[in-house]
């Protein structure tokens, strides 16, 4: 099997086999991060998620947000539902928690820019 590593801009094509739900015989990665990415992608894939939240009283109408850590891939739609339901009021500073423990993941949704 093959996948394209998304950890860095190189985009290595990684070849691997799956045995008992785990990646083995991993080749094609240019760095150790590619091997870790492949193992994680097979066993428990995660993604950083970015989006926007409506903001009142700000210079713009939407506030960009990001997860504080990668979330389990199977939780993406649940997290997006929570983000779409959120509304904030300016002022907001970069790094402010917009949603705490989103979808029970233990991960926060953070403001990724300041807005007065």
PDB file of N, CA and C in Angstrom:
ATOM      1  N   UNK A   1       0.840  -1.168   0.000  1.00  0.00           N
ATOM      2  CA  UNK A   1       0.000   0.000   0.000  1.00  0.00           C
ATOM      3  C   UNK A   1       0.897   1.247   0.000  1.00  0.00           C
ATOM      4  N   UNK A   2       0.311   2.377  -0.391  1.00  0.00           N
ATOM      5  CA  UNK A   2       1.070   3.630  -0.437  1.00  0.00           C
ATOM      6  C   UNK A   2       0.230   4.774   0.112  1.00  0.00           C
ATOM      7  N   UNK A   3       0.918   5.768   0.643  1.00  0.00           N
ATOM      8  CA  UNK A   3       0.298   7.032   1.021  1.00  0.00           C
ATOM      9  C   UNK A   3       1.312   8.140   0.837  1.00  0.00           C
ATOM     10  N   UNK A   4       0.818   9.361   0.719  1.00  0.00           N
ATOM     11  CA  UNK A   4       1.687  10.523   0.575  1.00  0.00           C
ATOM     12  C   UNK A   4       1.790  11.200   1.935  1.00  0.00           C
ATOM     13  N   UNK A   5       3.004  11.367   2.414  1.00  0.00           N
ATOM     14  CA  UNK A   5       3.232  12.004   3.712  1.00  0.00           C
ATOM     15  C   UNK A   5       2.879  13.490   3.618  1.00  0.00           C
ATOM     16  N   UNK A   6       2.180  14.009   4.628  1.00  0.00           N
ATOM     17  CA  UNK A   6       1.784  15.425   4.658  1.00  0.00           C
ATOM     18  C   UNK A   6       2.467  16.196   5.774  1.00  0.00           C
ATOM     19  N   UNK A   7       3.498  15.600   6.381  1.00  0.00           N
ATOM     20  CA  UNK A   7       4.169  16.250   7.507  1.00  0.00           C
ATOM     21  C   UNK A   7       5.026  17.430   7.058  1.00  0.00           C
ATOM     22  N   UNK A   8       5.682  17.324   5.927  1.00  0.00           N
ATOM     23  CA  UNK A   8       6.515  18.417   5.428  1.00  0.00           C
ATOM     24  C   UNK A   8       6.262  18.598   3.935  1.00  0.00           C
ATOM     25  N   UNK A   9       6.821  19.631   3.331  1.00  0.00           N
ATOM     26  CA  UNK A   9       6.568  19.902   1.906  1.00  0.00           C
ATOM     27  C   UNK A   9       7.121  18.860   0.933  1.00  0.00           C
ATOM     28  N   UNK A  10       7.980  17.962   1.386  1.00  0.00           N
ATOM     29  CA  UNK A  10       8.543  16.967   0.467  1.00  0.00           C
ATOM     30  C   UNK A  10       7.476  16.059  -0.124  1.00  0.00           C
ATOM     31  N   UNK A  11       6.470  15.713   0.656  1.00  0.00           N
ATOM     32  CA  UNK A  11       5.394  14.840   0.164  1.00  0.00           C
ATOM     33  C   UNK A  11       5.883  13.471  -0.264  1.00  0.00           C
ATOM     34  N   UNK A  12       6.679  12.839   0.575  1.00  0.00           N
ATOM     35  CA  UNK A  12       7.225  11.521   0.243  1.00  0.00           C
ATOM     36  C   UNK A  12       6.107  10.510   0.011  1.00  0.00           C
ATOM     37  N   UNK A  13       6.331   9.642  -0.974  1.00  0.00           N
ATOM     38  CA  UNK A  13       5.429   8.517  -1.192  1.00  0.00           C
ATOM     39  C   UNK A  13       5.940   7.378  -0.332  1.00  0.00           C
ATOM     40  N   UNK A  14       5.126   7.007   0.650  1.00  0.00           N
ATOM     41  CA  UNK A  14       5.530   5.989   1.609  1.00  0.00           C
ATOM     42  C   UNK A  14       4.817   4.688   1.277  1.00  0.00           C
ATOM     43  N   UNK A  15       5.580   3.626   1.177  1.00  0.00           N
ATOM     44  CA  UNK A  15       5.031   2.289   0.959  1.00  0.00           C
ATOM     45  C   UNK A  15       5.019   1.554   2.290  1.00  0.00           C
ATOM     46  N   UNK A  16       3.999   0.725   2.492  1.00  0.00           N
ATOM     47  CA  UNK A  16       3.878   0.001   3.755  1.00  0.00           C
ATOM     48  C   UNK A  16       2.947  -1.196   3.573  1.00  0.00           C
ATOM     49  N   UNK A  17       3.005  -2.086   4.528  1.00  0.00           N
ATOM     50  CA  UNK A  17       2.064  -3.189   4.620  1.00  0.00           C
ATOM     51  C   UNK A  17       1.323  -3.028   5.936  1.00  0.00           C
ATOM     52  N   UNK A  18       0.143  -3.620   6.022  1.00  0.00           N
ATOM     53  CA  UNK A  18      -0.622  -3.589   7.270  1.00  0.00           C
ATOM     54  C   UNK A  18      -0.712  -5.016   7.796  1.00  0.00           C
ATOM     55  N   UNK A  19      -0.268  -5.191   9.038  1.00  0.00           N
ATOM     56  CA  UNK A  19      -0.348  -6.474   9.714  1.00  0.00           C
ATOM     57  C   UNK A  19      -0.993  -6.238  11.075  1.00  0.00           C
ATOM     58  N   UNK A  20      -2.097  -6.907  11.311  1.00  0.00           N
ATOM     59  CA  UNK A  20      -2.824  -6.758  12.580  1.00  0.00           C
ATOM     60  C   UNK A  20      -3.158  -5.307  12.884  1.00  0.00           C
ATOM     61  N   UNK A  21      -3.544  -4.543  11.866  1.00  0.00           N
ATOM     62  CA  UNK A  21      -3.955  -3.161  12.059  1.00  0.00           C
ATOM     63  C   UNK A  21      -2.820  -2.177  12.259  1.00  0.00           C
ATOM     64  N   UNK A  22      -1.592  -2.594  12.037  1.00  0.00           N
ATOM     65  CA  UNK A  22      -0.441  -1.709  12.201  1.00  0.00           C
ATOM     66  C   UNK A  22       0.388  -1.677  10.933  1.00  0.00           C
ATOM     67  N   UNK A  23       0.995  -0.507  10.665  1.00  0.00           N
ATOM     68  CA  UNK A  23       1.860  -0.350   9.495  1.00  0.00           C
ATOM     69  C   UNK A  23       3.216  -0.989   9.773  1.00  0.00           C
ATOM     70  N   UNK A  24       3.672  -1.804   8.827  1.00  0.00           N
ATOM     71  CA  UNK A  24       4.982  -2.458   8.923  1.00  0.00           C
ATOM     72  C   UNK A  24       5.670  -2.351   7.570  1.00  0.00           C
ATOM     73  N   UNK A  25       6.952  -2.666   7.533  1.00  0.00           N
ATOM     74  CA  UNK A  25       7.739  -2.613   6.291  1.00  0.00           C
ATOM     75  C   UNK A  25       7.619  -1.238   5.640  1.00  0.00           C
ATOM     76  N   UNK A  26       7.766  -0.194   6.433  1.00  0.00           N
ATOM     77  CA  UNK A  26       7.603   1.186   5.961  1.00  0.00           C
ATOM     78  C   UNK A  26       8.870   1.618   5.226  1.00  0.00           C
ATOM     79  N   UNK A  27       8.688   2.085   3.970  1.00  0.00           N
ATOM     80  CA  UNK A  27       9.814   2.573   3.169  1.00  0.00           C
ATOM     81  C   UNK A  27       9.379   3.808   2.388  1.00  0.00           C
ATOM     82  N   UNK A  28      10.365   4.580   1.928  1.00  0.00           N
ATOM     83  CA  UNK A  28      10.097   5.740   1.081  1.00  0.00           C
ATOM     84  C   UNK A  28      10.096   7.058   1.820  1.00  0.00           C
ATOM     85  N   UNK A  29      10.102   7.011   3.148  1.00  0.00           N
ATOM     86  CA  UNK A  29      10.133   8.255   3.918  1.00  0.00           C
ATOM     87  C   UNK A  29      11.553   8.808   3.951  1.00  0.00           C
ATOM     88  N   UNK A  30      11.673  10.139   3.758  1.00  0.00           N
ATOM     89  CA  UNK A  30      12.992  10.781   3.758  1.00  0.00           C
ATOM     90  C   UNK A  30      13.477  11.122   5.165  1.00  0.00           C
ATOM     91  N   UNK A  31      12.543  11.119   6.121  1.00  0.00           N
ATOM     92  CA  UNK A  31      12.922  11.467   7.490  1.00  0.00           C
ATOM     93  C   UNK A  31      12.121  10.607   8.462  1.00  0.00           C
ATOM     94  N   UNK A  32      12.525  10.565   9.729  1.00  0.00           N
ATOM     95  CA  UNK A  32      11.803   9.742  10.709  1.00  0.00           C
ATOM     96  C   UNK A  32      10.352  10.171  10.916  1.00  0.00           C
ATOM     97  N   UNK A  33      10.054  11.439  10.658  1.00  0.00           N
ATOM     98  CA  UNK A  33       8.674  11.914  10.843  1.00  0.00           C
ATOM     99  C   UNK A  33       7.717  11.206   9.887  1.00  0.00           C
ATOM    100  N   UNK A  34       8.186  10.838   8.715  1.00  0.00           N
ATOM    101  CA  UNK A  34       7.351  10.125   7.756  1.00  0.00           C
ATOM    102  C   UNK A  34       6.940   8.760   8.262  1.00  0.00           C
ATOM    103  N   UNK A  35       7.856   8.081   8.925  1.00  0.00           N
ATOM    104  CA  UNK A  35       7.535   6.769   9.498  1.00  0.00           C
ATOM    105  C   UNK A  35       6.478   6.918  10.583  1.00  0.00           C
ATOM    106  N   UNK A  36       6.647   7.897  11.459  1.00  0.00           N
ATOM    107  CA  UNK A  36       5.679   8.146  12.530  1.00  0.00           C
ATOM    108  C   UNK A  36       4.321   8.521  11.930  1.00  0.00           C
ATOM    109  N   UNK A  37       4.332   9.363  10.896  1.00  0.00           N
ATOM    110  CA  UNK A  37       3.086   9.749  10.235  1.00  0.00           C
ATOM    111  C   UNK A  37       2.370   8.513   9.691  1.00  0.00           C
ATOM    112  N   UNK A  38       3.066   7.649   9.015  1.00  0.00           N
ATOM    113  CA  UNK A  38       2.477   6.443   8.439  1.00  0.00           C
ATOM    114  C   UNK A  38       1.876   5.567   9.536  1.00  0.00           C
ATOM    115  N   UNK A  39       2.619   5.341  10.595  1.00  0.00           N
ATOM    116  CA  UNK A  39       2.120   4.505  11.692  1.00  0.00           C
ATOM    117  C   UNK A  39       0.844   5.104  12.296  1.00  0.00           C
ATOM    118  N   UNK A  40       0.850   6.411  12.508  1.00  0.00           N
ATOM    119  CA  UNK A  40      -0.307   7.092  13.085  1.00  0.00           C
ATOM    120  C   UNK A  40      -1.484   7.085  12.121  1.00  0.00           C
ATOM    121  N   UNK A  41      -1.218   7.306  10.853  1.00  0.00           N
ATOM    122  CA  UNK A  41      -2.280   7.365   9.840  1.00  0.00           C
ATOM    123  C   UNK A  41      -3.017   6.030   9.736  1.00  0.00           C
ATOM    124  N   UNK A  42      -2.323   4.945   9.931  1.00  0.00           N
ATOM    125  CA  UNK A  42      -2.946   3.632   9.847  1.00  0.00           C
ATOM    126  C   UNK A  42      -3.682   3.292  11.141  1.00  0.00           C
ATOM    127  N   UNK A  43      -3.071   3.596  12.270  1.00  0.00           N
ATOM    128  CA  UNK A  43      -3.649   3.191  13.558  1.00  0.00           C
ATOM    129  C   UNK A  43      -4.711   4.166  14.079  1.00  0.00           C
ATOM    130  N   UNK A  44      -4.436   5.459  14.052  1.00  0.00           N
ATOM    131  CA  UNK A  44      -5.363   6.461  14.616  1.00  0.00           C
ATOM    132  C   UNK A  44      -5.119   7.804  13.940  1.00  0.00           C
ATOM    133  N   UNK A  45      -5.649   8.020  12.724  1.00  0.00           N
ATOM    134  CA  UNK A  45      -5.380   9.255  11.984  1.00  0.00           C
ATOM    135  C   UNK A  45      -5.937  10.497  12.687  1.00  0.00           C
ATOM    136  N   UNK A  46      -5.165  11.581  12.625  1.00  0.00           N
ATOM    137  CA  UNK A  46      -5.570  12.855  13.216  1.00  0.00           C
ATOM    138  C   UNK A  46      -5.317  13.966  12.214  1.00  0.00           C
ATOM    139  N   UNK A  47      -5.986  15.107  12.445  1.00  0.00           N
ATOM    140  CA  UNK A  47      -5.807  16.269  11.575  1.00  0.00           C
ATOM    141  C   UNK A  47      -5.909  17.546  12.398  1.00  0.00           C
ATOM    142  N   UNK A  48      -5.117  18.539  12.026  1.00  0.00           N
ATOM    143  CA  UNK A  48      -5.333  19.899  12.514  1.00  0.00           C
ATOM    144  C   UNK A  48      -6.511  20.431  11.721  1.00  0.00           C
ATOM    145  N   UNK A  49      -7.336  21.233  12.361  1.00  0.00           N
ATOM    146  CA  UNK A  49      -8.531  21.736  11.701  1.00  0.00           C
ATOM    147  C   UNK A  49      -8.567  23.249  11.806  1.00  0.00           C
ATOM    148  N   UNK A  50      -8.806  23.916  10.699  1.00  0.00           N
ATOM    149  CA  UNK A  50      -8.967  25.367  10.689  1.00  0.00           C
ATOM    150  C   UNK A  50     -10.334  25.698  10.123  1.00  0.00           C
ATOM    151  N   UNK A  51     -10.902  26.805  10.599  1.00  0.00           N
ATOM    152  CA  UNK A  51     -12.203  27.233  10.130  1.00  0.00           C
ATOM    153  C   UNK A  51     -12.387  28.700  10.521  1.00  0.00           C
ATOM    154  N   UNK A  52     -13.628  29.161  10.477  1.00  0.00           N
ATOM    155  CA  UNK A  52     -13.954  30.505  10.939  1.00  0.00           C
ATOM    156  C   UNK A  52     -15.215  30.451  11.788  1.00  0.00           C
ATOM    157  N   UNK A  53     -15.345  31.451  12.651  1.00  0.00           N
ATOM    158  CA  UNK A  53     -16.492  31.600  13.541  1.00  0.00           C
ATOM    159  C   UNK A  53     -17.024  33.017  13.354  1.00  0.00           C
ATOM    160  N   UNK A  54     -18.353  33.200  13.308  1.00  0.00           N
ATOM    161  CA  UNK A  54     -18.891  34.556  13.224  1.00  0.00           C
ATOM    162  C   UNK A  54     -18.484  35.386  14.454  1.00  0.00           C
ATOM    163  N   UNK A  55     -18.118  36.633  14.231  1.00  0.00           N
ATOM    164  CA  UNK A  55     -17.730  37.523  15.326  1.00  0.00           C
ATOM    165  C   UNK A  55     -18.509  38.822  15.205  1.00  0.00           C
ATOM    166  N   UNK A  56     -19.040  39.288  16.325  1.00  0.00           N
ATOM    167  CA  UNK A  56     -19.760  40.568  16.374  1.00  0.00           C
ATOM    168  C   UNK A  56     -18.830  41.641  16.914  1.00  0.00           C
ATOM    169  N   UNK A  57     -18.950  42.832  16.364  1.00  0.00           N
ATOM    170  CA  UNK A  57     -18.165  43.957  16.853  1.00  0.00           C
ATOM    171  C   UNK A  57     -16.731  43.985  16.388  1.00  0.00           C
ATOM    172  N   UNK A  58     -16.369  43.104  15.477  1.00  0.00           N
ATOM    173  CA  UNK A  58     -15.000  43.065  14.977  1.00  0.00           C
ATOM    174  C   UNK A  58     -14.871  43.789  13.654  1.00  0.00           C
ATOM    175  N   UNK A  59     -13.627  43.989  13.247  1.00  0.00           N
ATOM    176  CA  UNK A  59     -13.349  44.647  11.967  1.00  0.00           C
ATOM    177  C   UNK A  59     -13.894  43.822  10.800  1.00  0.00           C
ATOM    178  N   UNK A  60     -13.821  42.485  10.933  1.00  0.00           N
ATOM    179  CA  UNK A  60     -14.355  41.568   9.929  1.00  0.00           C
ATOM    180  C   UNK A  60     -15.537  40.820  10.541  1.00  0.00           C
ATOM    181  N   UNK A  61     -16.251  40.073   9.736  1.00  0.00           N
ATOM    182  CA  UNK A  61     -17.417  39.335  10.217  1.00  0.00           C
ATOM    183  C   UNK A  61     -17.092  37.899  10.627  1.00  0.00           C
ATOM    184  N   UNK A  62     -15.899  37.426  10.280  1.00  0.00           N
ATOM    185  CA  UNK A  62     -15.488  36.062  10.600  1.00  0.00           C
ATOM    186  C   UNK A  62     -14.133  36.079  11.297  1.00  0.00           C
ATOM    187  N   UNK A  63     -14.002  35.232  12.322  1.00  0.00           N
ATOM    188  CA  UNK A  63     -12.758  35.090  13.066  1.00  0.00           C
ATOM    189  C   UNK A  63     -12.132  33.747  12.703  1.00  0.00           C
ATOM    190  N   UNK A  64     -10.895  33.721  12.202  1.00  0.00           N
ATOM    191  CA  UNK A  64     -10.260  32.435  11.920  1.00  0.00           C
ATOM    192  C   UNK A  64      -9.912  31.708  13.220  1.00  0.00           C
ATOM    193  N   UNK A  65     -10.139  30.388  13.214  1.00  0.00           N
ATOM    194  CA  UNK A  65      -9.862  29.563  14.394  1.00  0.00           C
ATOM    195  C   UNK A  65      -9.099  28.310  13.974  1.00  0.00           C
ATOM    196  N   UNK A  66      -8.458  27.666  14.964  1.00  0.00           N
ATOM    197  CA  UNK A  66      -7.677  26.458  14.723  1.00  0.00           C
ATOM    198  C   UNK A  66      -7.747  25.574  15.960  1.00  0.00           C
ATOM    199  N   UNK A  67      -7.614  24.272  15.765  1.00  0.00           N
ATOM    200  CA  UNK A  67      -7.565  23.367  16.905  1.00  0.00           C
ATOM    201  C   UNK A  67      -6.223  23.532  17.624  1.00  0.00           C
ATOM    202  N   UNK A  68      -6.235  23.315  18.947  1.00  0.00           N
ATOM    203  CA  UNK A  68      -5.003  23.447  19.730  1.00  0.00           C
ATOM    204  C   UNK A  68      -4.071  22.256  19.522  1.00  0.00           C
ATOM    205  N   UNK A  69      -4.591  21.172  18.973  1.00  0.00           N
ATOM    206  CA  UNK A  69      -3.818  19.962  18.691  1.00  0.00           C
ATOM    207  C   UNK A  69      -4.582  19.191  17.613  1.00  0.00           C
ATOM    208  N   UNK A  70      -3.934  18.227  16.983  1.00  0.00           N
ATOM    209  CA  UNK A  70      -4.658  17.429  15.994  1.00  0.00           C
ATOM    210  C   UNK A  70      -5.820  16.677  16.644  1.00  0.00           C
ATOM    211  N   UNK A  71      -6.932  16.606  15.932  1.00  0.00           N
ATOM    212  CA  UNK A  71      -8.102  15.886  16.440  1.00  0.00           C
ATOM    213  C   UNK A  71      -8.245  14.553  15.718  1.00  0.00           C
ATOM    214  N   UNK A  72      -8.885  13.584  16.353  1.00  0.00           N
ATOM    215  CA  UNK A  72      -9.127  12.315  15.662  1.00  0.00           C
ATOM    216  C   UNK A  72      -9.955  12.558  14.400  1.00  0.00           C
ATOM    217  N   UNK A  73      -9.559  11.939  13.322  1.00  0.00           N
ATOM    218  CA  UNK A  73     -10.203  12.158  12.031  1.00  0.00           C
ATOM    219  C   UNK A  73     -11.701  11.863  12.077  1.00  0.00           C
ATOM    220  N   UNK A  74     -12.099  10.881  12.870  1.00  0.00           N
ATOM    221  CA  UNK A  74     -13.516  10.534  12.942  1.00  0.00           C
ATOM    222  C   UNK A  74     -14.351  11.573  13.679  1.00  0.00           C
ATOM    223  N   UNK A  75     -13.709  12.547  14.334  1.00  0.00           N
ATOM    224  CA  UNK A  75     -14.421  13.601  15.060  1.00  0.00           C
ATOM    225  C   UNK A  75     -14.562  14.894  14.252  1.00  0.00           C
ATOM    226  N   UNK A  76     -14.046  14.940  13.037  1.00  0.00           N
ATOM    227  CA  UNK A  76     -14.035  16.181  12.248  1.00  0.00           C
ATOM    228  C   UNK A  76     -15.435  16.770  12.086  1.00  0.00           C
ATOM    229  N   UNK A  77     -16.405  15.974  11.712  1.00  0.00           N
ATOM    230  CA  UNK A  77     -17.750  16.519  11.476  1.00  0.00           C
ATOM    231  C   UNK A  77     -18.391  17.009  12.772  1.00  0.00           C
ATOM    232  N   UNK A  78     -18.181  16.305  13.858  1.00  0.00           N
ATOM    233  CA  UNK A  78     -18.708  16.733  15.156  1.00  0.00           C
ATOM    234  C   UNK A  78     -18.058  18.048  15.600  1.00  0.00           C
ATOM    235  N   UNK A  79     -16.765  18.163  15.396  1.00  0.00           N
ATOM    236  CA  UNK A  79     -16.052  19.398  15.736  1.00  0.00           C
ATOM    237  C   UNK A  79     -16.542  20.548  14.853  1.00  0.00           C
ATOM    238  N   UNK A  80     -16.712  20.295  13.562  1.00  0.00           N
ATOM    239  CA  UNK A  80     -17.206  21.347  12.671  1.00  0.00           C
ATOM    240  C   UNK A  80     -18.615  21.792  13.050  1.00  0.00           C
ATOM    241  N   UNK A  81     -19.458  20.874  13.498  1.00  0.00           N
ATOM    242  CA  UNK A  81     -20.791  21.257  13.975  1.00  0.00           C
ATOM    243  C   UNK A  81     -20.688  22.213  15.155  1.00  0.00           C
ATOM    244  N   UNK A  82     -19.783  21.939  16.087  1.00  0.00           N
ATOM    245  CA  UNK A  82     -19.587  22.814  17.250  1.00  0.00           C
ATOM    246  C   UNK A  82     -19.052  24.178  16.820  1.00  0.00           C
ATOM    247  N   UNK A  83     -18.134  24.187  15.860  1.00  0.00           N
ATOM    248  CA  UNK A  83     -17.585  25.450  15.365  1.00  0.00           C
ATOM    249  C   UNK A  83     -18.674  26.268  14.681  1.00  0.00           C
ATOM    250  N   UNK A  84     -19.499  25.617  13.873  1.00  0.00           N
ATOM    251  CA  UNK A  84     -20.564  26.332  13.167  1.00  0.00           C
ATOM    252  C   UNK A  84     -21.609  26.894  14.120  1.00  0.00           C
ATOM    253  N   UNK A  85     -21.768  26.313  15.301  1.00  0.00           N
ATOM    254  CA  UNK A  85     -22.738  26.788  16.284  1.00  0.00           C
ATOM    255  C   UNK A  85     -22.183  27.931  17.143  1.00  0.00           C
ATOM    256  N   UNK A  86     -20.877  28.130  17.106  1.00  0.00           N
ATOM    257  CA  UNK A  86     -20.236  29.141  17.967  1.00  0.00           C
ATOM    258  C   UNK A  86     -20.391  30.548  17.403  1.00  0.00           C
ATOM    259  N   UNK A  87     -20.433  31.505  18.327  1.00  0.00           N
ATOM    260  CA  UNK A  87     -20.421  32.928  17.980  1.00  0.00           C
ATOM    261  C   UNK A  87     -19.574  33.617  19.038  1.00  0.00           C
ATOM    262  N   UNK A  88     -18.813  34.621  18.632  1.00  0.00           N
ATOM    263  CA  UNK A  88     -17.971  35.351  19.590  1.00  0.00           C
ATOM    264  C   UNK A  88     -18.188  36.845  19.453  1.00  0.00           C
ATOM    265  N   UNK A  89     -17.756  37.541  20.469  1.00  0.00           N
ATOM    266  CA  UNK A  89     -17.859  38.992  20.518  1.00  0.00           C
ATOM    267  C   UNK A  89     -16.445  39.566  20.598  1.00  0.00           C
ATOM    268  N   UNK A  90     -16.151  40.559  19.782  1.00  0.00           N
ATOM    269  CA  UNK A  90     -14.846  41.234  19.834  1.00  0.00           C
ATOM    270  C   UNK A  90     -14.800  42.041  21.138  1.00  0.00           C
ATOM    271  N   UNK A  91     -13.631  42.275  21.688  1.00  0.00           N
ATOM    272  CA  UNK A  91     -12.298  41.943  21.165  1.00  0.00           C
ATOM    273  C   UNK A  91     -11.892  40.506  21.508  1.00  0.00           C
ATOM    274  N   UNK A  92     -11.055  39.949  20.633  1.00  0.00           N
ATOM    275  CA  UNK A  92     -10.504  38.612  20.806  1.00  0.00           C
ATOM    276  C   UNK A  92      -9.016  38.704  20.510  1.00  0.00           C
ATOM    277  N   UNK A  93      -8.207  37.985  21.283  1.00  0.00           N
ATOM    278  CA  UNK A  93      -6.759  37.954  21.050  1.00  0.00           C
ATOM    279  C   UNK A  93      -6.365  36.595  20.508  1.00  0.00           C
ATOM    280  N   UNK A  94      -5.336  36.585  19.674  1.00  0.00           N
ATOM    281  CA  UNK A  94      -4.829  35.328  19.149  1.00  0.00           C
ATOM    282  C   UNK A  94      -4.516  34.402  20.325  1.00  0.00           C
ATOM    283  N   UNK A  95      -4.948  33.150  20.218  1.00  0.00           N
ATOM    284  CA  UNK A  95      -4.713  32.174  21.277  1.00  0.00           C
ATOM    285  C   UNK A  95      -5.852  32.053  22.272  1.00  0.00           C
ATOM    286  N   UNK A  96      -6.822  33.003  22.243  1.00  0.00           N
ATOM    287  CA  UNK A  96      -7.976  32.894  23.141  1.00  0.00           C
ATOM    288  C   UNK A  96      -8.737  31.609  22.834  1.00  0.00           C
ATOM    289  N   UNK A  97      -9.226  30.952  23.887  1.00  0.00           N
ATOM    290  CA  UNK A  97     -10.031  29.744  23.714  1.00  0.00           C
ATOM    291  C   UNK A  97     -11.440  30.160  23.303  1.00  0.00           C
ATOM    292  N   UNK A  98     -11.863  29.699  22.157  1.00  0.00           N
ATOM    293  CA  UNK A  98     -13.195  29.990  21.639  1.00  0.00           C
ATOM    294  C   UNK A  98     -14.167  28.889  22.059  1.00  0.00           C
ATOM    295  N   UNK A  99     -13.735  27.631  21.981  1.00  0.00           N
ATOM    296  CA  UNK A  99     -14.507  26.482  22.448  1.00  0.00           C
ATOM    297  C   UNK A  99     -13.547  25.587  23.239  1.00  0.00           C
ATOM    298  N   UNK A 100     -13.912  25.292  24.470  1.00  0.00           N
ATOM    299  CA  UNK A 100     -13.091  24.434  25.314  1.00  0.00           C
ATOM    300  C   UNK A 100     -13.530  22.981  25.154  1.00  0.00           C
ATOM    301  N   UNK A 101     -12.577  22.061  25.119  1.00  0.00           N
ATOM    302  CA  UNK A 101     -12.858  20.622  25.051  1.00  0.00           C
ATOM    303  C   UNK A 101     -13.897  20.304  23.973  1.00  0.00           C
ATOM    304  N   UNK A 102     -13.634  20.742  22.770  1.00  0.00           N
ATOM    305  CA  UNK A 102     -14.587  20.582  21.673  1.00  0.00           C
ATOM    306  C   UNK A 102     -14.908  19.106  21.426  1.00  0.00           C
ATOM    307  N   UNK A 103     -16.183  18.803  21.354  1.00  0.00           N
ATOM    308  CA  UNK A 103     -16.682  17.452  21.068  1.00  0.00           C
ATOM    309  C   UNK A 103     -16.088  16.394  21.999  1.00  0.00           C
ATOM    310  N   UNK A 104     -15.756  16.798  23.224  1.00  0.00           N
ATOM    311  CA  UNK A 104     -15.220  15.854  24.200  1.00  0.00           C
ATOM    312  C   UNK A 104     -13.849  15.311  23.864  1.00  0.00           C
ATOM    313  N   UNK A 105     -13.097  16.025  23.039  1.00  0.00           N
ATOM    314  CA  UNK A 105     -11.774  15.555  22.607  1.00  0.00           C
ATOM    315  C   UNK A 105     -10.655  15.961  23.569  1.00  0.00           C
ATOM    316  N   UNK A 106     -10.943  16.927  24.473  1.00  0.00           N
ATOM    317  CA  UNK A 106      -9.883  17.471  25.310  1.00  0.00           C
ATOM    318  C   UNK A 106      -9.068  18.529  24.588  1.00  0.00           C
ATOM    319  N   UNK A 107      -9.475  18.858  23.372  1.00  0.00           N
ATOM    320  CA  UNK A 107      -8.769  19.828  22.535  1.00  0.00           C
ATOM    321  C   UNK A 107      -9.626  21.086  22.425  1.00  0.00           C
ATOM    322  N   UNK A 108      -8.968  22.232  22.433  1.00  0.00           N
ATOM    323  CA  UNK A 108      -9.673  23.514  22.360  1.00  0.00           C
ATOM    324  C   UNK A 108      -9.651  24.067  20.945  1.00  0.00           C
ATOM    325  N   UNK A 109     -10.637  24.928  20.664  1.00  0.00           N
ATOM    326  CA  UNK A 109     -10.636  25.710  19.435  1.00  0.00           C
ATOM    327  C   UNK A 109     -10.118  27.087  19.830  1.00  0.00           C
ATOM    328  N   UNK A 110      -9.061  27.544  19.165  1.00  0.00           N
ATOM    329  CA  UNK A 110      -8.384  28.801  19.497  1.00  0.00           C
ATOM    330  C   UNK A 110      -8.546  29.842  18.396  1.00  0.00           C
ATOM    331  N   UNK A 111      -8.585  31.091  18.798  1.00  0.00           N
ATOM    332  CA  UNK A 111      -8.551  32.185  17.829  1.00  0.00           C
ATOM    333  C   UNK A 111      -7.166  32.187  17.186  1.00  0.00           C
ATOM    334  N   UNK A 112      -7.118  32.285  15.861  1.00  0.00           N
ATOM    335  CA  UNK A 112      -5.810  32.304  15.205  1.00  0.00           C
ATOM    336  C   UNK A 112      -5.423  33.703  14.729  1.00  0.00           C
ATOM    337  N   UNK A 113      -6.199  34.722  15.154  1.00  0.00           N
ATOM    338  CA  UNK A 113      -5.791  36.103  14.955  1.00  0.00           C
ATOM    339  C   UNK A 113      -6.512  36.954  15.997  1.00  0.00           C
ATOM    340  N   UNK A 114      -5.964  38.109  16.257  1.00  0.00           N
ATOM    341  CA  UNK A 114      -6.596  39.064  17.162  1.00  0.00           C
ATOM    342  C   UNK A 114      -7.571  39.909  16.365  1.00  0.00           C
ATOM    343  N   UNK A 115      -8.654  40.340  17.022  1.00  0.00           N
ATOM    344  CA  UNK A 115      -9.598  41.209  16.352  1.00  0.00           C
ATOM    345  C   UNK A 115     -10.241  42.134  17.380  1.00  0.00           C
ATOM    346  N   UNK A 116     -10.142  43.444  17.088  1.00  0.00           N
ATOM    347  CA  UNK A 116     -10.762  44.449  17.956  1.00  0.00           C
ATOM    348  C   UNK A 116     -12.155  44.766  17.482  1.00  0.00           C
TER     349      UNK A 116
END
